[in-house]
Structures are given as C-alpha cells and as structure tokens.
Amino acid sequence: MSKTFVPSPETPAVLTANDLRDGRCVWMGEGGWTAKPAEAVLYEDPGLAELALLDAQAQGHVVVGPYLIEAARGPDGRAAPAHFREAFRNGGPTTEPAARNANARQPEASHV
C-alpha cells in the first residue's frame, strides 16, 4: 500500500481519482468531481483531507482509486498539480489514439 500524502498549509493536497465511466482523471471540487485541476479543493488540514478521501473511497460507483496528492497553489490561488505525473495523468488515458499522439515524443533530428 502506498503512503498517503499528509497536507499542511505549506504543502496543500488535492484529491484525485479516475472516472469510472471513461477512466479520465478527475479532481474533487467544491460541488463534486471535476475534470479541471484548477477547480480542485485545496486541503491544508490533514483531518479534512482524510475525511474527503474516505468519502471518495465510498464512491466506487463514480470513481476508481481516489488518493491525495501534493498540490501547488498557483499565482491566482487555484490548485495545480505539483508533480509531472499528475499533470501528465490529466492529459487523459494514453491508450486512446488521440492521447497517444498528443503525448508522443517527437523524434529529435539527430535520431531520424
């Protein structure tokens, strides 16, 4: 089992999961799950974050694999993923042709 990230005012967390219907990355917003990471709730209090995670884990009919991640607070005060992995996940499943093409690395001229 992976270690759960513990938020603080210096390093807030957001709650993320995958939509059960299409596998896309979703974030817990004020009114429920959203596809926009900037609309995610920033959790600074570990207790509130844990309660939100427990609530999300009970939503197995809506999302899969919810977990807390470290987030950054952007210049506008909104949430943003703090690590590349989460920003990459937000691009959508790489098993879809459009996503594979969008995420594919272009060959460098020296390798062609």
C-alpha atoms as a PDB file:
ATOM      1  CA  MET A   1       0.000   0.000   0.000  1.00  0.00           C
ATOM      2  CA  SER A   2       1.324   3.434  -0.864  1.00  0.00           C
ATOM      3  CA  LYS A   3       1.888   6.124   1.721  1.00  0.00           C
ATOM      4  CA  THR A   4      -0.837   8.767   1.856  1.00  0.00           C
ATOM      5  CA  PHE A   5       0.323  12.338   1.407  1.00  0.00           C
ATOM      6  CA  VAL A   6      -0.356  14.455   4.512  1.00  0.00           C
ATOM      7  CA  PRO A   7      -1.196  18.075   3.658  1.00  0.00           C
ATOM      8  CA  SER A   8      -0.258  21.235   5.535  1.00  0.00           C
ATOM      9  CA  PRO A   9      -0.642  24.982   4.868  1.00  0.00           C
ATOM     10  CA  GLU A  10       2.817  24.946   3.246  1.00  0.00           C
ATOM     11  CA  THR A  11       2.093  21.890   1.092  1.00  0.00           C
ATOM     12  CA  PRO A  12      -1.647  21.564   0.396  1.00  0.00           C
ATOM     13  CA  ALA A  13      -3.210  18.486  -1.155  1.00  0.00           C
ATOM     14  CA  VAL A  14      -5.910  17.815  -3.709  1.00  0.00           C
ATOM     15  CA  LEU A  15      -7.994  14.688  -4.076  1.00  0.00           C
ATOM     16  CA  THR A  16      -7.802  12.925  -7.427  1.00  0.00           C
ATOM     17  CA  ALA A  17      -9.219   9.726  -8.907  1.00  0.00           C
ATOM     18  CA  ASN A  18     -10.279   8.250 -12.232  1.00  0.00           C
ATOM     19  CA  ASP A  19     -13.811   8.483 -13.573  1.00  0.00           C
ATOM     20  CA  LEU A  20     -15.360   5.010 -13.548  1.00  0.00           C
ATOM     21  CA  ARG A  21     -17.104   5.571 -16.900  1.00  0.00           C
ATOM     22  CA  ASP A  22     -14.205   6.656 -19.080  1.00  0.00           C
ATOM     23  CA  GLY A  23     -11.029   6.401 -16.999  1.00  0.00           C
ATOM     24  CA  ARG A  24     -10.250  10.096 -17.205  1.00  0.00           C
ATOM     25  CA  CYS A  25      -8.573  11.919 -14.351  1.00  0.00           C
ATOM     26  CA  VAL A  26     -10.949  13.827 -12.073  1.00  0.00           C
ATOM     27  CA  TRP A  27     -10.417  16.138  -9.106  1.00  0.00           C
ATOM     28  CA  MET A  28     -12.610  16.818  -6.085  1.00  0.00           C
ATOM     29  CA  GLY A  29     -14.082  20.295  -6.477  1.00  0.00           C
ATOM     30  CA  GLU A  30     -16.446  22.297  -4.278  1.00  0.00           C
ATOM     31  CA  GLY A  31     -19.519  20.723  -5.882  1.00  0.00           C
ATOM     32  CA  GLY A  32     -18.173  17.246  -6.620  1.00  0.00           C
ATOM     33  CA  TRP A  33     -15.828  15.719  -9.186  1.00  0.00           C
ATOM     34  CA  THR A  34     -14.447  17.956 -11.938  1.00  0.00           C
ATOM     35  CA  ALA A  35     -12.147  17.400 -14.915  1.00  0.00           C
ATOM     36  CA  LYS A  36     -10.358  20.706 -14.233  1.00  0.00           C
ATOM     37  CA  PRO A  37      -7.495  20.543 -11.723  1.00  0.00           C
ATOM     38  CA  ALA A  38      -7.696  24.313 -11.154  1.00  0.00           C
ATOM     39  CA  GLU A  39     -11.191  23.778  -9.691  1.00  0.00           C
ATOM     40  CA  ALA A  40      -9.964  21.242  -7.127  1.00  0.00           C
ATOM     41  CA  VAL A  41     -10.352  21.924  -3.429  1.00  0.00           C
ATOM     42  CA  LEU A  42      -7.009  22.608  -1.751  1.00  0.00           C
ATOM     43  CA  TYR A  43      -6.807  20.718   1.548  1.00  0.00           C
ATOM     44  CA  GLU A  44      -4.426  22.133   4.139  1.00  0.00           C
ATOM     45  CA  ASP A  45      -5.927  20.382   7.155  1.00  0.00           C
ATOM     46  CA  PRO A  46      -4.959  16.681   7.384  1.00  0.00           C
ATOM     47  CA  GLY A  47      -8.232  15.770   9.105  1.00  0.00           C
ATOM     48  CA  LEU A  48     -10.411  17.347   6.429  1.00  0.00           C
ATOM     49  CA  ALA A  49      -8.304  15.749   3.712  1.00  0.00           C
ATOM     50  CA  GLU A  50      -8.690  12.315   5.309  1.00  0.00           C
ATOM     51  CA  LEU A  51     -12.467  12.755   5.601  1.00  0.00           C
ATOM     52  CA  ALA A  52     -12.668  13.767   1.937  1.00  0.00           C
ATOM     53  CA  LEU A  53     -10.590  10.723   0.971  1.00  0.00           C
ATOM     54  CA  LEU A  54     -12.826   8.373   2.980  1.00  0.00           C
ATOM     55  CA  ASP A  55     -15.899   9.890   1.329  1.00  0.00           C
ATOM     56  CA  ALA A  56     -14.330   9.457  -2.116  1.00  0.00           C
ATOM     57  CA  GLN A  57     -13.439   5.829  -1.373  1.00  0.00           C
ATOM     58  CA  ALA A  58     -17.132   5.211  -0.689  1.00  0.00           C
ATOM     59  CA  GLN A  59     -17.978   6.497  -4.187  1.00  0.00           C
ATOM     60  CA  GLY A  60     -16.896   3.349  -6.028  1.00  0.00           C
ATOM     61  CA  HIS A  61     -19.922   3.708  -8.306  1.00  0.00           C
ATOM     62  CA  VAL A  62     -18.479   7.027  -9.586  1.00  0.00           C
ATOM     63  CA  VAL A  63     -14.671   6.961  -9.301  1.00  0.00           C
ATOM     64  CA  VAL A  64     -11.810   4.486  -9.037  1.00  0.00           C
ATOM     65  CA  GLY A  65      -8.643   4.749  -6.959  1.00  0.00           C
ATOM     66  CA  PRO A  66      -9.023   8.078  -5.158  1.00  0.00           C
ATOM     67  CA  TYR A  67      -5.921   9.414  -3.415  1.00  0.00           C
ATOM     68  CA  LEU A  68      -4.422  12.634  -2.079  1.00  0.00           C
ATOM     69  CA  ILE A  69      -1.557  14.300  -3.896  1.00  0.00           C
ATOM     70  CA  GLU A  70       0.658  17.247  -3.165  1.00  0.00           C
ATOM     71  CA  ALA A  71      -0.590  20.349  -4.918  1.00  0.00           C
ATOM     72  CA  ALA A  72       0.805  23.749  -5.701  1.00  0.00           C
ATOM     73  CA  ARG A  73      -1.068  26.988  -5.221  1.00  0.00           C
ATOM     74  CA  GLY A  74      -0.877  28.937  -8.475  1.00  0.00           C
ATOM     75  CA  PRO A  75      -0.461  32.721  -8.696  1.00  0.00           C
ATOM     76  CA  ASP A  76      -4.254  33.023  -8.808  1.00  0.00           C
ATOM     77  CA  GLY A  77      -4.584  30.905  -5.644  1.00  0.00           C
ATOM     78  CA  ARG A  78      -6.085  27.965  -7.526  1.00  0.00           C
ATOM     79  CA  ALA A  79      -4.865  24.382  -7.349  1.00  0.00           C
ATOM     80  CA  ALA A  80      -2.297  22.925  -9.707  1.00  0.00           C
ATOM     81  CA  PRO A  81      -0.554  19.540  -9.651  1.00  0.00           C
ATOM     82  CA  ALA A  82       2.854  19.851  -8.011  1.00  0.00           C
ATOM     83  CA  HIS A  83       4.425  16.913  -9.863  1.00  0.00           C
ATOM     84  CA  PHE A  84       4.780  15.898 -13.508  1.00  0.00           C
ATOM     85  CA  ARG A  85       2.981  12.569 -13.006  1.00  0.00           C
ATOM     86  CA  GLU A  86      -0.287  14.248 -12.063  1.00  0.00           C
ATOM     87  CA  ALA A  87      -0.066  16.854 -14.808  1.00  0.00           C
ATOM     88  CA  PHE A  88       0.556  14.020 -17.301  1.00  0.00           C
ATOM     89  CA  ARG A  89      -2.398  11.994 -15.959  1.00  0.00           C
ATOM     90  CA  ASN A  90      -4.660  14.956 -16.614  1.00  0.00           C
ATOM     91  CA  GLY A  91      -3.956  14.613 -20.361  1.00  0.00           C
ATOM     92  CA  GLY A  92      -6.200  11.547 -20.460  1.00  0.00           C
ATOM     93  CA  PRO A  93      -5.629   7.842 -20.923  1.00  0.00           C
ATOM     94  CA  THR A  94      -2.685   7.172 -23.228  1.00  0.00           C
ATOM     95  CA  THR A  95      -4.460   4.092 -24.579  1.00  0.00           C
ATOM     96  CA  GLU A  96      -6.680   6.297 -26.743  1.00  0.00           C
ATOM     97  CA  PRO A  97      -5.228   7.092 -30.194  1.00  0.00           C
ATOM     98  CA  ALA A  98      -5.692  10.859 -29.779  1.00  0.00           C
ATOM     99  CA  ALA A  99      -3.971  10.811 -26.384  1.00  0.00           C
ATOM    100  CA  ARG A 100      -1.119   8.644 -27.669  1.00  0.00           C
ATOM    101  CA  ASN A 101      -0.495  11.104 -30.487  1.00  0.00           C
ATOM    102  CA  ALA A 102      -0.723  14.153 -28.205  1.00  0.00           C
ATOM    103  CA  ASN A 103       1.628  12.639 -25.616  1.00  0.00           C
ATOM    104  CA  ALA A 104       4.067  11.074 -28.064  1.00  0.00           C
ATOM    105  CA  ARG A 105       7.587  12.391 -28.057  1.00  0.00           C
ATOM    106  CA  GLN A 106       8.656  13.698 -31.408  1.00  0.00           C
ATOM    107  CA  PRO A 107      11.951  12.233 -32.659  1.00  0.00           C
ATOM    108  CA  GLU A 108      14.890  14.561 -32.415  1.00  0.00           C
ATOM    109  CA  ALA A 109      16.585  15.465 -35.694  1.00  0.00           C
ATOM    110  CA  SER A 110      19.738  13.628 -34.618  1.00  0.00           C
ATOM    111  CA  HIS A 111      17.741  10.377 -34.223  1.00  0.00           C
ATOM    112  CA  VAL A 112      15.955  10.450 -37.568  1.00  0.00           C
END
